[in-house]
Amino acid sequence: VDTIGPTLTTVTIESNNATKTQAKEGDIITMNIIASELIDTPTVTYDIGNENINPIVTGSGKNYTATHTVVSGQNGIIQNFSLSNFTDLVGNSGHTITSLTSGDSVTVDTIPPTLNLVSISSNNSTTTLAKEGDIITLTINSSETISTPSISFDIGSKTVNPTVSGSGNSYTATYTVIDSENGSVGNFSISNF
């Protein structure tokens, strides 16, 4: 005789992003579910921002996963969890679960960062000119925290890779002009952020 309903002893969520509590477009969010006894497949839903998600639930016995691949336009913290409609082998129903058992939720962000400010100057007394030994500085401010960007630009027909420093949403790229570098600065490339 069994009159005790099953419980979910583990309900955690993470993404396959390098930072498990964050997800971008194309990342896979996985909820791991472990029950106290053998159960049938639970119904799982949650919200990303204001959008209700019905992840794909797979597994059997005590172990299940609910996976969802993030698509464009989905933004916000994952919340309003609901794990329901599960019973044990004799038909005892489990109570609906509305929270994680441990760990943090995942924040989804599919909005790419933008560069709000990109400016260039030199430490020459005329900041639009540079000579040998002068330092050219490219200043970058982004709409949100970004990883360190890769930056290059041309001086005349020569491509140079300045030294990039900074963090968060503010970076600078500096380059010291050497002998025989002549021409306009152009063909800027700011990428991998």
C-alpha atoms as a PDB file:
ATOM      1  CA  VAL A   1       0.000   0.000   0.000  1.00  0.00           C
ATOM      2  CA  ASP A   2       1.293   3.455  -0.951  1.00  0.00           C
ATOM      3  CA  THR A   3      -0.693   6.573  -0.130  1.00  0.00           C
ATOM      4  CA  ILE A   4       2.211   9.049  -0.221  1.00  0.00           C
ATOM      5  CA  GLY A   5       2.489  11.353  -3.211  1.00  0.00           C
ATOM      6  CA  PRO A   6       5.849  11.757  -4.940  1.00  0.00           C
ATOM      7  CA  THR A   7       8.014  14.814  -4.358  1.00  0.00           C
ATOM      8  CA  LEU A   8      10.604  16.491  -6.551  1.00  0.00           C
ATOM      9  CA  THR A   9      13.825  16.489  -4.541  1.00  0.00           C
ATOM     10  CA  THR A  10      15.869  18.366  -7.131  1.00  0.00           C
ATOM     11  CA  VAL A  11      14.714  21.145  -9.451  1.00  0.00           C
ATOM     12  CA  THR A  12      17.587  23.229 -10.841  1.00  0.00           C
ATOM     13  CA  ILE A  13      18.074  25.259 -14.008  1.00  0.00           C
ATOM     14  CA  GLU A  14      21.105  26.350 -16.028  1.00  0.00           C
ATOM     15  CA  SER A  15      22.129  27.288 -19.535  1.00  0.00           C
ATOM     16  CA  ASN A  16      24.938  25.950 -21.696  1.00  0.00           C
ATOM     17  CA  ASN A  17      26.383  29.466 -21.841  1.00  0.00           C
ATOM     18  CA  ALA A  18      29.883  29.868 -20.373  1.00  0.00           C
ATOM     19  CA  THR A  19      28.074  31.683 -17.546  1.00  0.00           C
ATOM     20  CA  LYS A  20      25.436  29.142 -16.488  1.00  0.00           C
ATOM     21  CA  THR A  21      23.060  31.798 -15.115  1.00  0.00           C
ATOM     22  CA  GLN A  22      22.917  33.700 -18.422  1.00  0.00           C
ATOM     23  CA  ALA A  23      21.614  32.783 -21.862  1.00  0.00           C
ATOM     24  CA  LYS A  24      21.617  34.377 -25.287  1.00  0.00           C
ATOM     25  CA  GLU A  25      19.905  33.474 -28.550  1.00  0.00           C
ATOM     26  CA  GLY A  26      20.733  29.876 -29.486  1.00  0.00           C
ATOM     27  CA  ASP A  27      21.716  28.825 -25.957  1.00  0.00           C
ATOM     28  CA  ILE A  28      19.967  25.819 -24.452  1.00  0.00           C
ATOM     29  CA  ILE A  29      18.328  26.142 -21.054  1.00  0.00           C
ATOM     30  CA  THR A  30      18.097  22.867 -19.123  1.00  0.00           C
ATOM     31  CA  MET A  31      16.003  22.209 -16.040  1.00  0.00           C
ATOM     32  CA  ASN A  32      17.120  19.109 -14.127  1.00  0.00           C
ATOM     33  CA  ILE A  33      14.396  17.281 -12.234  1.00  0.00           C
ATOM     34  CA  ILE A  34      14.869  14.381  -9.794  1.00  0.00           C
ATOM     35  CA  ALA A  35      11.885  12.777  -8.059  1.00  0.00           C
ATOM     36  CA  SER A  36      11.722  10.899  -4.757  1.00  0.00           C
ATOM     37  CA  GLU A  37      10.352   7.839  -6.571  1.00  0.00           C
ATOM     38  CA  LEU A  38       9.420   6.682 -10.056  1.00  0.00           C
ATOM     39  CA  ILE A  39       6.961   9.114 -11.667  1.00  0.00           C
ATOM     40  CA  ASP A  40       5.352   9.708 -15.015  1.00  0.00           C
ATOM     41  CA  THR A  41       6.479  12.696 -17.108  1.00  0.00           C
ATOM     42  CA  PRO A  42       5.708  16.017 -15.375  1.00  0.00           C
ATOM     43  CA  THR A  43       4.270  19.059 -17.114  1.00  0.00           C
ATOM     44  CA  VAL A  44       6.791  21.925 -16.969  1.00  0.00           C
ATOM     45  CA  THR A  45       6.236  25.608 -17.747  1.00  0.00           C
ATOM     46  CA  TYR A  46       7.998  28.843 -16.854  1.00  0.00           C
ATOM     47  CA  ASP A  47       8.205  32.424 -18.068  1.00  0.00           C
ATOM     48  CA  ILE A  48      11.042  34.226 -19.791  1.00  0.00           C
ATOM     49  CA  GLY A  49      10.093  37.834 -19.172  1.00  0.00           C
ATOM     50  CA  ASN A  50       6.403  37.932 -20.120  1.00  0.00           C
ATOM     51  CA  GLU A  51       6.517  34.908 -22.451  1.00  0.00           C
ATOM     52  CA  ASN A  52       5.262  31.544 -21.219  1.00  0.00           C
ATOM     53  CA  ILE A  53       7.569  28.665 -22.200  1.00  0.00           C
ATOM     54  CA  ASN A  54       6.687  24.972 -22.508  1.00  0.00           C
ATOM     55  CA  PRO A  55      10.090  23.270 -22.620  1.00  0.00           C
ATOM     56  CA  ILE A  56      10.578  19.800 -24.066  1.00  0.00           C
ATOM     57  CA  VAL A  57      10.510  17.279 -21.201  1.00  0.00           C
ATOM     58  CA  THR A  58      12.423  14.012 -21.610  1.00  0.00           C
ATOM     59  CA  GLY A  59      13.503  11.262 -19.244  1.00  0.00           C
ATOM     60  CA  SER A  60      11.965   8.456 -17.263  1.00  0.00           C
ATOM     61  CA  GLY A  61      11.780   6.957 -13.799  1.00  0.00           C
ATOM     62  CA  LYS A  62      13.095   9.486 -11.303  1.00  0.00           C
ATOM     63  CA  ASN A  63      15.160  11.634 -13.694  1.00  0.00           C
ATOM     64  CA  TYR A  64      13.840  14.180 -16.174  1.00  0.00           C
ATOM     65  CA  THR A  65      15.134  17.201 -18.058  1.00  0.00           C
ATOM     66  CA  ALA A  66      13.187  20.088 -19.549  1.00  0.00           C
ATOM     67  CA  THR A  67      15.056  21.878 -22.335  1.00  0.00           C
ATOM     68  CA  HIS A  68      14.408  25.058 -24.278  1.00  0.00           C
ATOM     69  CA  THR A  69      16.479  26.762 -26.971  1.00  0.00           C
ATOM     70  CA  VAL A  70      16.423  30.553 -26.655  1.00  0.00           C
ATOM     71  CA  VAL A  71      15.113  32.422 -29.707  1.00  0.00           C
ATOM     72  CA  SER A  72      15.305  36.070 -30.703  1.00  0.00           C
ATOM     73  CA  GLY A  73      13.059  38.369 -28.709  1.00  0.00           C
ATOM     74  CA  GLN A  74      13.083  36.323 -25.503  1.00  0.00           C
ATOM     75  CA  ASN A  75      14.422  38.514 -22.705  1.00  0.00           C
ATOM     76  CA  GLY A  76      14.226  38.534 -18.927  1.00  0.00           C
ATOM     77  CA  ILE A  77      14.749  36.355 -15.916  1.00  0.00           C
ATOM     78  CA  ILE A  78      13.255  32.867 -15.945  1.00  0.00           C
ATOM     79  CA  GLN A  79      10.525  32.777 -13.292  1.00  0.00           C
ATOM     80  CA  ASN A  80       6.995  31.573 -12.477  1.00  0.00           C
ATOM     81  CA  PHE A  81       8.013  27.921 -12.501  1.00  0.00           C
ATOM     82  CA  SER A  82       5.325  25.252 -12.575  1.00  0.00           C
ATOM     83  CA  LEU A  83       6.056  21.507 -12.421  1.00  0.00           C
ATOM     84  CA  SER A  84       2.765  19.652 -12.218  1.00  0.00           C
ATOM     85  CA  ASN A  85       0.643  16.688 -13.318  1.00  0.00           C
ATOM     86  CA  PHE A  86       3.029  13.989 -12.104  1.00  0.00           C
ATOM     87  CA  THR A  87       2.029  10.811 -10.305  1.00  0.00           C
ATOM     88  CA  ASP A  88       3.827   7.794  -8.916  1.00  0.00           C
ATOM     89  CA  LEU A  89       3.301   4.261 -10.260  1.00  0.00           C
ATOM     90  CA  VAL A  90       0.204   3.640  -8.117  1.00  0.00           C
ATOM     91  CA  GLY A  91      -1.414   6.951  -9.068  1.00  0.00           C
ATOM     92  CA  ASN A  92      -0.608   9.204  -6.094  1.00  0.00           C
ATOM     93  CA  SER A  93      -0.336  12.800  -7.316  1.00  0.00           C
ATOM     94  CA  GLY A  94       2.547  15.080  -6.473  1.00  0.00           C
ATOM     95  CA  HIS A  95       2.025  18.692  -5.444  1.00  0.00           C
ATOM     96  CA  THR A  96       2.771  21.400  -8.019  1.00  0.00           C
ATOM     97  CA  ILE A  97       6.272  22.797  -7.570  1.00  0.00           C
ATOM     98  CA  THR A  98       6.744  26.545  -8.142  1.00  0.00           C
ATOM     99  CA  SER A  99      10.371  27.148  -7.214  1.00  0.00           C
ATOM    100  CA  LEU A 100      13.875  25.784  -7.627  1.00  0.00           C
ATOM    101  CA  THR A 101      15.283  23.550  -4.905  1.00  0.00           C
ATOM    102  CA  SER A 102      18.703  25.201  -5.171  1.00  0.00           C
ATOM    103  CA  GLY A 103      20.797  27.512  -7.296  1.00  0.00           C
ATOM    104  CA  ASP A 104      19.900  30.623  -9.216  1.00  0.00           C
ATOM    105  CA  SER A 105      17.630  31.125 -12.168  1.00  0.00           C
ATOM    106  CA  VAL A 106      18.819  32.113 -15.649  1.00  0.00           C
ATOM    107  CA  THR A 107      18.652  35.600 -17.160  1.00  0.00           C
ATOM    108  CA  VAL A 108      17.986  35.606 -20.901  1.00  0.00           C
ATOM    109  CA  ASP A 109      19.307  38.455 -23.069  1.00  0.00           C
ATOM    110  CA  THR A 110      18.906  38.347 -26.848  1.00  0.00           C
ATOM    111  CA  ILE A 111      19.505  42.066 -27.421  1.00  0.00           C
ATOM    112  CA  PRO A 112      22.991  42.603 -28.865  1.00  0.00           C
ATOM    113  CA  PRO A 113      25.065  45.400 -27.340  1.00  0.00           C
ATOM    114  CA  THR A 114      25.565  48.579 -29.304  1.00  0.00           C
ATOM    115  CA  LEU A 115      28.477  50.981 -29.281  1.00  0.00           C
ATOM    116  CA  ASN A 116      27.094  54.328 -28.119  1.00  0.00           C
ATOM    117  CA  LEU A 117      30.353  56.210 -28.533  1.00  0.00           C
ATOM    118  CA  VAL A 118      33.389  55.581 -30.692  1.00  0.00           C
ATOM    119  CA  SER A 119      35.849  58.470 -30.917  1.00  0.00           C
ATOM    120  CA  ILE A 120      39.490  58.837 -31.878  1.00  0.00           C
ATOM    121  CA  SER A 121      42.120  61.406 -31.007  1.00  0.00           C
ATOM    122  CA  SER A 122      45.855  61.716 -30.472  1.00  0.00           C
ATOM    123  CA  ASN A 123      47.876  63.256 -27.697  1.00  0.00           C
ATOM    124  CA  ASN A 124      49.392  65.667 -30.234  1.00  0.00           C
ATOM    125  CA  SER A 125      48.660  69.341 -29.514  1.00  0.00           C
ATOM    126  CA  THR A 126      46.398  69.104 -32.574  1.00  0.00           C
ATOM    127  CA  THR A 127      44.358  66.044 -31.592  1.00  0.00           C
ATOM    128  CA  THR A 128      43.425  65.247 -35.214  1.00  0.00           C
ATOM    129  CA  LEU A 129      47.099  64.810 -36.174  1.00  0.00           C
ATOM    130  CA  ALA A 130      49.834  62.418 -35.001  1.00  0.00           C
ATOM    131  CA  LYS A 131      53.573  62.089 -35.551  1.00  0.00           C
ATOM    132  CA  GLU A 132      56.134  59.453 -34.570  1.00  0.00           C
ATOM    133  CA  GLY A 133      55.864  58.793 -30.816  1.00  0.00           C
ATOM    134  CA  ASP A 134      52.363  60.223 -30.493  1.00  0.00           C
ATOM    135  CA  ILE A 135      49.651  58.006 -29.031  1.00  0.00           C
ATOM    136  CA  ILE A 136      46.409  57.482 -30.928  1.00  0.00           C
ATOM    137  CA  THR A 137      43.490  56.633 -28.628  1.00  0.00           C
ATOM    138  CA  LEU A 138      40.199  55.106 -29.706  1.00  0.00           C
ATOM    139  CA  THR A 139      37.528  55.481 -26.994  1.00  0.00           C
ATOM    140  CA  ILE A 140      34.561  53.106 -26.931  1.00  0.00           C
ATOM    141  CA  ASN A 141      31.431  53.133 -24.773  1.00  0.00           C
ATOM    142  CA  SER A 142      28.788  50.421 -25.173  1.00  0.00           C
ATOM    143  CA  SER A 143      25.123  50.168 -24.230  1.00  0.00           C
ATOM    144  CA  GLU A 144      25.848  47.402 -21.699  1.00  0.00           C
ATOM    145  CA  THR A 145      28.701  45.399 -20.217  1.00  0.00           C
ATOM    146  CA  ILE A 146      30.688  43.664 -22.970  1.00  0.00           C
ATOM    147  CA  SER A 147      33.745  41.441 -23.211  1.00  0.00           C
ATOM    148  CA  THR A 148      36.999  43.022 -24.360  1.00  0.00           C
ATOM    149  CA  PRO A 149      36.601  43.809 -28.076  1.00  0.00           C
ATOM    150  CA  SER A 150      39.116  43.055 -30.810  1.00  0.00           C
ATOM    151  CA  ILE A 151      40.139  46.297 -32.512  1.00  0.00           C
ATOM    152  CA  SER A 152      42.178  47.172 -35.571  1.00  0.00           C
ATOM    153  CA  PHE A 153      42.477  50.154 -37.872  1.00  0.00           C
ATOM    154  CA  ASP A 154      44.600  51.297 -40.794  1.00  0.00           C
ATOM    155  CA  ILE A 155      47.212  54.020 -40.856  1.00  0.00           C
ATOM    156  CA  GLY A 156      47.521  54.623 -44.575  1.00  0.00           C
ATOM    157  CA  SER A 157      47.810  51.113 -46.046  1.00  0.00           C
ATOM    158  CA  LYS A 158      49.124  49.480 -42.838  1.00  0.00           C
ATOM    159  CA  THR A 159      46.741  47.665 -40.487  1.00  0.00           C
ATOM    160  CA  VAL A 160      47.602  48.071 -36.797  1.00  0.00           C
ATOM    161  CA  ASN A 161      46.278  46.360 -33.678  1.00  0.00           C
ATOM    162  CA  PRO A 162      46.180  48.779 -30.747  1.00  0.00           C
ATOM    163  CA  THR A 163      46.420  47.739 -27.104  1.00  0.00           C
ATOM    164  CA  VAL A 164      42.909  47.427 -25.690  1.00  0.00           C
ATOM    165  CA  SER A 165      42.141  48.078 -22.030  1.00  0.00           C
ATOM    166  CA  GLY A 166      39.068  48.705 -19.959  1.00  0.00           C
ATOM    167  CA  SER A 167      36.103  46.774 -18.610  1.00  0.00           C
ATOM    168  CA  GLY A 168      32.341  46.843 -18.344  1.00  0.00           C
ATOM    169  CA  ASN A 169      31.044  49.207 -20.990  1.00  0.00           C
ATOM    170  CA  SER A 170      34.093  51.473 -21.341  1.00  0.00           C
ATOM    171  CA  TYR A 171      37.247  50.602 -23.305  1.00  0.00           C
ATOM    172  CA  THR A 172      40.187  52.383 -24.862  1.00  0.00           C
ATOM    173  CA  ALA A 173      42.507  51.216 -27.624  1.00  0.00           C
ATOM    174  CA  THR A 174      45.888  52.920 -27.768  1.00  0.00           C
ATOM    175  CA  TYR A 175      48.600  52.809 -30.409  1.00  0.00           C
ATOM    176  CA  THR A 176      51.953  54.577 -30.501  1.00  0.00           C
ATOM    177  CA  VAL A 177      52.898  55.831 -33.974  1.00  0.00           C
ATOM    178  CA  ILE A 178      56.262  54.567 -35.250  1.00  0.00           C
ATOM    179  CA  ASP A 179      58.585  55.790 -38.010  1.00  0.00           C
ATOM    180  CA  SER A 180      57.333  55.378 -41.600  1.00  0.00           C
ATOM    181  CA  GLU A 181      53.643  55.210 -40.679  1.00  0.00           C
ATOM    182  CA  ASN A 182      51.865  57.785 -42.815  1.00  0.00           C
ATOM    183  CA  GLY A 183      48.351  58.435 -44.013  1.00  0.00           C
ATOM    184  CA  SER A 184      44.826  58.752 -42.745  1.00  0.00           C
ATOM    185  CA  VAL A 185      43.492  56.570 -39.966  1.00  0.00           C
ATOM    186  CA  GLY A 186      40.515  54.527 -41.182  1.00  0.00           C
ATOM    187  CA  ASN A 187      38.981  51.104 -41.831  1.00  0.00           C
ATOM    188  CA  PHE A 188      38.122  50.622 -38.175  1.00  0.00           C
ATOM    189  CA  SER A 189      37.187  47.129 -37.053  1.00  0.00           C
ATOM    190  CA  ILE A 190      35.630  46.591 -33.634  1.00  0.00           C
ATOM    191  CA  SER A 191      34.460  43.006 -33.147  1.00  0.00           C
ATOM    192  CA  ASN A 192      34.138  39.969 -30.855  1.00  0.00           C
ATOM    193  CA  PHE A 193      32.362  41.793 -28.028  1.00  0.00           C
END
